Amino acid sequence: MRIGELARATGATVRALRHYEQAGLIGSEREPNGYRDYGGSAVVRVRNIRALVGAGLTLDDIRPLLGCLDGDVLAGRPSERVLAIARERLAVLERRIAAQTEARDRLAAALAAAGSAGAEGAGSAVAAGALAGHAAAGSATEG
């Protein structure tokens, strides 16, 4: 099937399918005219990839699971390997949420201080300080 047909069958965009292929998660044969031709098993594989991405995993997280993507990955009990990947992704997300919560709290405090300071210049300095702290915290969200 061609890429547009696969997109319609799975609800994925053509762009996402190209991305999955570039990441090595799906494969296609090239027709003489250059069009991609996907096998019938690609539908199941793409649906599984989309389900795992929807659950918060990245394509890098999914790559070690290639051997499982052609079956119903959500039906059975996850392996220890899958659970370890999911736990690590959850830890990354929790660190990002904590960093974003800290940045939000600093900005809210800066805005509150700016409102009670009464002087626009003082408020701008406080807000600038909070934003500088946010920029530093932003580097903690990588992962």
N, C-alpha and C. Protein backbone atom coordinates (compact mmCIF):
# COMPACT_ATOMS: atom_id res chain seq x y z
N MET A 1 0.84 -1.17 0.00
CA MET A 1 0.00 0.00 0.00
C MET A 1 0.89 1.24 0.00
N ARG A 2 0.40 2.30 -0.56
CA ARG A 2 1.16 3.55 -0.62
C ARG A 2 1.00 4.32 0.68
N ILE A 3 1.83 5.33 0.83
CA ILE A 3 1.91 6.05 2.10
C ILE A 3 0.58 6.72 2.45
N GLY A 4 -0.13 7.26 1.48
CA GLY A 4 -1.42 7.89 1.76
C GLY A 4 -2.45 6.89 2.27
N GLU A 5 -2.43 5.69 1.69
CA GLU A 5 -3.34 4.63 2.14
C GLU A 5 -3.01 4.21 3.56
N LEU A 6 -1.72 4.10 3.87
CA LEU A 6 -1.31 3.73 5.22
C LEU A 6 -1.72 4.82 6.21
N ALA A 7 -1.57 6.06 5.80
CA ALA A 7 -1.98 7.18 6.66
C ALA A 7 -3.47 7.10 6.97
N ARG A 8 -4.28 6.89 5.95
CA ARG A 8 -5.73 6.79 6.16
C ARG A 8 -6.09 5.59 7.03
N ALA A 9 -5.41 4.48 6.84
CA ALA A 9 -5.72 3.25 7.59
C ALA A 9 -5.34 3.36 9.06
N THR A 10 -4.39 4.22 9.38
CA THR A 10 -3.88 4.28 10.76
C THR A 10 -4.19 5.58 11.49
N GLY A 11 -4.62 6.59 10.76
CA GLY A 11 -4.85 7.89 11.39
C GLY A 11 -3.58 8.70 11.56
N ALA A 12 -2.46 8.19 11.06
CA ALA A 12 -1.19 8.92 11.12
C ALA A 12 -1.11 9.89 9.94
N THR A 13 -0.29 10.89 10.08
CA THR A 13 -0.05 11.78 8.96
C THR A 13 1.04 11.19 8.08
N VAL A 14 1.07 11.61 6.84
CA VAL A 14 2.13 11.18 5.94
C VAL A 14 3.48 11.60 6.50
N ARG A 15 3.53 12.79 7.06
CA ARG A 15 4.78 13.28 7.65
C ARG A 15 5.24 12.37 8.79
N ALA A 16 4.30 11.95 9.66
CA ALA A 16 4.64 11.06 10.77
C ALA A 16 5.17 9.73 10.24
N LEU A 17 4.54 9.21 9.19
CA LEU A 17 4.99 7.94 8.63
C LEU A 17 6.40 8.05 8.08
N ARG A 18 6.69 9.15 7.42
CA ARG A 18 8.06 9.36 6.92
C ARG A 18 9.04 9.44 8.09
N HIS A 19 8.61 10.09 9.16
CA HIS A 19 9.45 10.20 10.36
C HIS A 19 9.70 8.82 10.98
N TYR A 20 8.65 8.01 11.09
CA TYR A 20 8.80 6.66 11.63
C TYR A 20 9.77 5.85 10.77
N GLU A 21 9.66 6.02 9.45
CA GLU A 21 10.55 5.28 8.57
C GLU A 21 11.99 5.77 8.72
N GLN A 22 12.18 7.07 8.82
CA GLN A 22 13.52 7.61 9.00
C GLN A 22 14.12 7.13 10.32
N ALA A 23 13.27 6.95 11.34
CA ALA A 23 13.72 6.48 12.65
C ALA A 23 13.96 4.97 12.66
N GLY A 24 13.63 4.29 11.57
CA GLY A 24 13.86 2.86 11.49
C GLY A 24 12.76 2.00 12.11
N LEU A 25 11.60 2.60 12.38
CA LEU A 25 10.52 1.85 13.01
C LEU A 25 9.62 1.14 12.01
N ILE A 26 9.53 1.66 10.81
CA ILE A 26 8.78 0.99 9.74
C ILE A 26 9.66 1.01 8.49
N GLY A 27 9.33 0.14 7.57
CA GLY A 27 10.10 0.09 6.34
C GLY A 27 9.18 -0.01 5.14
N SER A 28 9.72 0.33 4.00
CA SER A 28 8.95 0.24 2.76
C SER A 28 9.88 -0.15 1.64
N GLU A 29 9.30 -0.64 0.60
CA GLU A 29 10.02 -0.89 -0.65
C GLU A 29 9.71 0.28 -1.56
N ARG A 30 10.64 0.58 -2.44
CA ARG A 30 10.41 1.66 -3.41
C ARG A 30 9.95 1.06 -4.72
N GLU A 31 8.87 1.62 -5.25
CA GLU A 31 8.39 1.23 -6.56
C GLU A 31 9.28 1.89 -7.61
N PRO A 32 9.23 1.43 -8.85
CA PRO A 32 10.07 2.04 -9.90
C PRO A 32 9.87 3.55 -10.04
N ASN A 33 8.66 4.03 -9.72
CA ASN A 33 8.39 5.47 -9.82
C ASN A 33 8.81 6.23 -8.57
N GLY A 34 9.41 5.53 -7.59
CA GLY A 34 9.90 6.18 -6.38
C GLY A 34 8.91 6.18 -5.22
N TYR A 35 7.67 5.78 -5.46
CA TYR A 35 6.67 5.77 -4.40
C TYR A 35 7.02 4.69 -3.38
N ARG A 36 6.70 4.96 -2.13
CA ARG A 36 6.89 3.96 -1.09
C ARG A 36 5.76 2.93 -1.17
N ASP A 37 6.12 1.68 -0.92
CA ASP A 37 5.14 0.60 -0.88
C ASP A 37 5.29 -0.12 0.45
N TYR A 38 4.25 -0.07 1.27
CA TYR A 38 4.28 -0.68 2.60
C TYR A 38 3.51 -1.99 2.58
N GLY A 39 4.02 -2.97 3.31
CA GLY A 39 3.33 -4.24 3.44
C GLY A 39 2.12 -4.12 4.36
N GLY A 40 1.27 -5.11 4.33
CA GLY A 40 0.05 -5.09 5.14
C GLY A 40 0.30 -5.04 6.64
N SER A 41 1.45 -5.57 7.10
CA SER A 41 1.75 -5.56 8.53
C SER A 41 2.07 -4.16 9.04
N ALA A 42 2.31 -3.23 8.13
CA ALA A 42 2.64 -1.86 8.54
C ALA A 42 1.47 -1.21 9.29
N VAL A 43 0.25 -1.60 8.97
CA VAL A 43 -0.91 -1.00 9.64
C VAL A 43 -0.85 -1.28 11.14
N VAL A 44 -0.64 -2.53 11.50
CA VAL A 44 -0.57 -2.91 12.92
C VAL A 44 0.61 -2.22 13.58
N ARG A 45 1.75 -2.22 12.91
CA ARG A 45 2.96 -1.62 13.47
C ARG A 45 2.75 -0.13 13.74
N VAL A 46 2.19 0.58 12.78
CA VAL A 46 1.98 2.03 12.95
C VAL A 46 0.96 2.28 14.06
N ARG A 47 -0.08 1.50 14.13
CA ARG A 47 -1.06 1.67 15.22
C ARG A 47 -0.40 1.47 16.58
N ASN A 48 0.48 0.48 16.68
CA ASN A 48 1.20 0.24 17.93
C ASN A 48 2.14 1.40 18.25
N ILE A 49 2.84 1.90 17.25
CA ILE A 49 3.74 3.04 17.47
C ILE A 49 2.93 4.22 17.97
N ARG A 50 1.81 4.49 17.34
CA ARG A 50 0.98 5.64 17.75
C ARG A 50 0.44 5.45 19.17
N ALA A 51 0.08 4.23 19.53
CA ALA A 51 -0.41 3.97 20.89
C ALA A 51 0.70 4.20 21.91
N LEU A 52 1.90 3.75 21.61
CA LEU A 52 3.02 3.92 22.54
C LEU A 52 3.44 5.39 22.64
N VAL A 53 3.45 6.10 21.53
CA VAL A 53 3.74 7.54 21.56
C VAL A 53 2.65 8.26 22.35
N GLY A 54 1.40 7.84 22.15
CA GLY A 54 0.29 8.43 22.90
C GLY A 54 0.40 8.18 24.40
N ALA A 55 1.08 7.10 24.76
CA ALA A 55 1.28 6.78 26.18
C ALA A 55 2.47 7.53 26.78
N GLY A 56 3.17 8.29 25.92
CA GLY A 56 4.27 9.11 26.44
C GLY A 56 5.66 8.65 26.06
N LEU A 57 5.78 7.54 25.33
CA LEU A 57 7.10 7.08 24.93
C LEU A 57 7.59 7.86 23.71
N THR A 58 8.89 7.95 23.57
CA THR A 58 9.47 8.59 22.41
C THR A 58 9.81 7.51 21.38
N LEU A 59 10.15 7.93 20.17
CA LEU A 59 10.53 6.95 19.16
C LEU A 59 11.80 6.22 19.57
N ASP A 60 12.71 6.92 20.26
CA ASP A 60 13.91 6.25 20.78
C ASP A 60 13.54 5.20 21.83
N ASP A 61 12.51 5.49 22.64
CA ASP A 61 12.05 4.50 23.62
C ASP A 61 11.47 3.28 22.92
N ILE A 62 10.82 3.50 21.80
CA ILE A 62 10.11 2.43 21.10
C ILE A 62 11.05 1.55 20.30
N ARG A 63 12.17 2.08 19.85
CA ARG A 63 13.10 1.34 18.99
C ARG A 63 13.48 -0.04 19.55
N PRO A 64 13.78 -0.17 20.85
CA PRO A 64 14.13 -1.51 21.36
C PRO A 64 12.98 -2.52 21.31
N LEU A 65 11.79 -2.04 21.03
CA LEU A 65 10.61 -2.91 21.04
C LEU A 65 10.22 -3.37 19.64
N LEU A 66 11.08 -3.14 18.66
CA LEU A 66 10.73 -3.47 17.27
C LEU A 66 10.19 -4.87 17.10
N GLY A 67 10.74 -5.84 17.81
CA GLY A 67 10.29 -7.22 17.68
C GLY A 67 8.87 -7.45 18.15
N CYS A 68 8.33 -6.52 18.90
CA CYS A 68 6.98 -6.68 19.45
C CYS A 68 5.92 -5.87 18.71
N LEU A 69 6.33 -5.01 17.81
CA LEU A 69 5.40 -4.04 17.23
C LEU A 69 4.43 -4.60 16.20
N ASP A 70 4.65 -5.84 15.76
CA ASP A 70 3.76 -6.39 14.75
C ASP A 70 2.60 -7.18 15.33
N GLY A 71 2.56 -7.28 16.66
CA GLY A 71 1.45 -7.94 17.34
C GLY A 71 0.67 -6.92 18.15
N ASP A 72 -0.22 -7.40 18.99
CA ASP A 72 -1.04 -6.52 19.84
C ASP A 72 -0.25 -6.20 21.10
N VAL A 73 0.55 -5.13 21.06
CA VAL A 73 1.44 -4.82 22.18
C VAL A 73 0.70 -4.41 23.44
N LEU A 74 -0.52 -3.97 23.31
CA LEU A 74 -1.26 -3.50 24.48
C LEU A 74 -2.11 -4.59 25.13
N ALA A 75 -2.20 -5.76 24.48
CA ALA A 75 -3.08 -6.82 24.99
C ALA A 75 -2.46 -7.59 26.15
N GLY A 76 -1.18 -7.89 26.06
CA GLY A 76 -0.54 -8.72 27.07
C GLY A 76 0.11 -7.92 28.18
N ARG A 77 0.63 -8.65 29.14
CA ARG A 77 1.37 -8.02 30.23
C ARG A 77 2.70 -7.54 29.68
N PRO A 78 3.08 -6.29 29.97
CA PRO A 78 4.36 -5.77 29.46
C PRO A 78 5.55 -6.52 30.06
N SER A 79 6.58 -6.66 29.26
CA SER A 79 7.80 -7.32 29.74
C SER A 79 8.54 -6.38 30.70
N GLU A 80 9.50 -6.92 31.40
CA GLU A 80 10.31 -6.09 32.31
C GLU A 80 11.04 -5.01 31.53
N ARG A 81 11.46 -5.33 30.33
CA ARG A 81 12.15 -4.35 29.48
C ARG A 81 11.24 -3.17 29.16
N VAL A 82 10.01 -3.45 28.78
CA VAL A 82 9.04 -2.40 28.47
C VAL A 82 8.75 -1.58 29.72
N LEU A 83 8.58 -2.26 30.85
CA LEU A 83 8.31 -1.55 32.10
C LEU A 83 9.48 -0.64 32.48
N ALA A 84 10.70 -1.10 32.27
CA ALA A 84 11.87 -0.27 32.58
C ALA A 84 11.91 0.98 31.70
N ILE A 85 11.62 0.80 30.42
CA ILE A 85 11.57 1.95 29.50
C ILE A 85 10.49 2.93 29.94
N ALA A 86 9.33 2.41 30.28
CA ALA A 86 8.22 3.28 30.70
C ALA A 86 8.54 4.00 32.01
N ARG A 87 9.18 3.31 32.94
CA ARG A 87 9.56 3.96 34.21
C ARG A 87 10.56 5.09 33.97
N GLU A 88 11.52 4.86 33.10
CA GLU A 88 12.51 5.91 32.79
C GLU A 88 11.85 7.11 32.13
N ARG A 89 10.93 6.85 31.20
CA ARG A 89 10.22 7.95 30.53
C ARG A 89 9.40 8.73 31.55
N LEU A 90 8.74 8.02 32.47
CA LEU A 90 7.96 8.69 33.52
C LEU A 90 8.85 9.56 34.38
N ALA A 91 10.04 9.07 34.73
CA ALA A 91 10.96 9.86 35.55
C ALA A 91 11.39 11.13 34.81
N VAL A 92 11.65 11.01 33.51
CA VAL A 92 12.02 12.20 32.71
C VAL A 92 10.86 13.20 32.72
N LEU A 93 9.65 12.72 32.49
CA LEU A 93 8.49 13.61 32.49
C LEU A 93 8.29 14.28 33.84
N GLU A 94 8.47 13.53 34.92
CA GLU A 94 8.31 14.10 36.26
C GLU A 94 9.36 15.18 36.52
N ARG A 95 10.60 14.97 36.06
CA ARG A 95 11.62 16.01 36.22
C ARG A 95 11.26 17.26 35.43
N ARG A 96 10.76 17.08 34.23
CA ARG A 96 10.35 18.23 33.41
C ARG A 96 9.19 18.99 34.06
N ILE A 97 8.23 18.25 34.57
CA ILE A 97 7.08 18.88 35.24
C ILE A 97 7.55 19.66 36.45
N ALA A 98 8.46 19.09 37.25
CA ALA A 98 8.96 19.79 38.43
C ALA A 98 9.68 21.07 38.03
N ALA A 99 10.50 21.02 36.99
CA ALA A 99 11.22 22.22 36.54
C ALA A 99 10.24 23.27 36.03
N GLN A 100 9.23 22.86 35.30
CA GLN A 100 8.24 23.82 34.79
C GLN A 100 7.40 24.40 35.93
N THR A 101 7.09 23.59 36.94
CA THR A 101 6.34 24.08 38.10
C THR A 101 7.15 25.13 38.85
N GLU A 102 8.45 24.88 39.01
CA GLU A 102 9.32 25.86 39.67
C GLU A 102 9.37 27.15 38.87
N ALA A 103 9.48 27.06 37.57
CA ALA A 103 9.53 28.25 36.72
C ALA A 103 8.22 29.03 36.82
N ARG A 104 7.10 28.31 36.80
CA ARG A 104 5.79 28.96 36.93
C ARG A 104 5.69 29.69 38.27
N ASP A 105 6.12 29.03 39.34
CA ASP A 105 6.03 29.63 40.67
C ASP A 105 6.90 30.88 40.78
N ARG A 106 8.10 30.84 40.18
CA ARG A 106 8.97 32.03 40.19
C ARG A 106 8.34 33.18 39.43
N LEU A 107 7.77 32.88 38.28
CA LEU A 107 7.14 33.92 37.48
C LEU A 107 5.92 34.49 38.20
N ALA A 108 5.11 33.63 38.81
CA ALA A 108 3.95 34.10 39.55
C ALA A 108 4.37 34.99 40.72
N ALA A 109 5.45 34.59 41.42
CA ALA A 109 5.95 35.41 42.53
C ALA A 109 6.48 36.73 42.02
N ALA A 110 7.16 36.73 40.88
CA ALA A 110 7.69 37.98 40.31
C ALA A 110 6.55 38.90 39.92
N LEU A 111 5.51 38.34 39.33
CA LEU A 111 4.36 39.17 38.95
C LEU A 111 3.64 39.71 40.18
N ALA A 112 3.53 38.90 41.21
CA ALA A 112 2.89 39.36 42.44
C ALA A 112 3.71 40.47 43.07
N ALA A 113 5.03 40.31 43.09
CA ALA A 113 5.91 41.34 43.65
C ALA A 113 5.85 42.61 42.82
N ALA A 114 5.76 42.46 41.52
CA ALA A 114 5.68 43.62 40.65
C ALA A 114 4.38 44.39 40.90
N GLY A 115 3.32 43.67 41.15
CA GLY A 115 2.03 44.32 41.42
C GLY A 115 2.02 45.05 42.74
N SER A 116 2.70 44.48 43.75
CA SER A 116 2.71 45.12 45.06
C SER A 116 3.80 46.17 45.17
N ALA A 117 4.79 46.15 44.29
CA ALA A 117 5.88 47.12 44.34
C ALA A 117 5.40 48.50 43.93
N GLY A 118 4.44 48.54 43.03
CA GLY A 118 3.89 49.82 42.62
C GLY A 118 4.75 50.58 41.64
N ALA A 119 6.02 50.36 41.64
CA ALA A 119 6.91 51.06 40.72
C ALA A 119 7.16 50.17 39.53
N GLU A 120 6.88 50.67 38.35
CA GLU A 120 7.01 49.86 37.15
C GLU A 120 8.44 49.40 36.95
N GLY A 121 9.40 50.22 37.22
CA GLY A 121 10.81 49.85 37.06
C GLY A 121 11.20 48.73 37.99
N ALA A 122 10.76 48.79 39.23
CA ALA A 122 11.09 47.74 40.19
C ALA A 122 10.44 46.42 39.77
N GLY A 123 9.21 46.51 39.30
CA GLY A 123 8.50 45.32 38.85
C GLY A 123 9.19 44.69 37.65
N SER A 124 9.68 45.49 36.75
CA SER A 124 10.38 44.96 35.58
C SER A 124 11.66 44.26 35.98
N ALA A 125 12.36 44.82 36.97
CA ALA A 125 13.59 44.19 37.43
C ALA A 125 13.29 42.84 38.07
N VAL A 126 12.22 42.76 38.86
CA VAL A 126 11.83 41.50 39.50
C VAL A 126 11.45 40.48 38.44
N ALA A 127 10.64 40.91 37.47
CA ALA A 127 10.21 39.99 36.41
C ALA A 127 11.41 39.52 35.60
N ALA A 128 12.35 40.42 35.32
CA ALA A 128 13.54 40.04 34.57
C ALA A 128 14.35 39.01 35.37
N GLY A 129 14.43 39.18 36.66
CA GLY A 129 15.13 38.21 37.50
C GLY A 129 14.46 36.85 37.47
N ALA A 130 13.13 36.86 37.50
CA ALA A 130 12.40 35.60 37.45
C ALA A 130 12.60 34.92 36.11
N LEU A 131 12.59 35.71 35.03
CA LEU A 131 12.79 35.13 33.72
C LEU A 131 14.20 34.58 33.56
N ALA A 132 15.17 35.25 34.16
CA ALA A 132 16.55 34.74 34.11
C ALA A 132 16.61 33.40 34.84
N GLY A 133 15.90 33.30 35.96
CA GLY A 133 15.85 32.02 36.68
C GLY A 133 15.17 30.95 35.85
N HIS A 134 14.16 31.35 35.06
CA HIS A 134 13.46 30.41 34.18
C HIS A 134 14.39 29.89 33.10
N ALA A 135 15.21 30.75 32.56
CA ALA A 135 16.14 30.32 31.52
C ALA A 135 17.12 29.29 32.09
N ALA A 136 17.56 29.50 33.31
CA ALA A 136 18.47 28.54 33.94
C ALA A 136 17.75 27.22 34.20
N ALA A 137 16.49 27.28 34.61
CA ALA A 137 15.72 26.07 34.89
C ALA A 137 15.40 25.32 33.60
N GLY A 138 15.28 26.06 32.48
CA GLY A 138 14.97 25.43 31.23
C GLY A 138 15.99 24.40 30.83
N SER A 139 17.25 24.63 31.19
CA SER A 139 18.28 23.67 30.83
C SER A 139 18.13 22.38 31.65
N ALA A 140 17.44 22.45 32.77
CA ALA A 140 17.22 21.26 33.60
C ALA A 140 16.13 20.37 33.01
N THR A 141 15.38 20.88 32.04
CA THR A 141 14.28 20.09 31.48
C THR A 141 14.72 19.22 30.34
N GLU A 142 16.00 19.27 29.97
CA GLU A 142 16.47 18.43 28.85
C GLU A 142 16.43 16.98 29.28
N GLY A 143 16.18 16.10 28.30
CA GLY A 143 16.24 14.68 28.65
C GLY A 143 15.42 13.92 27.80
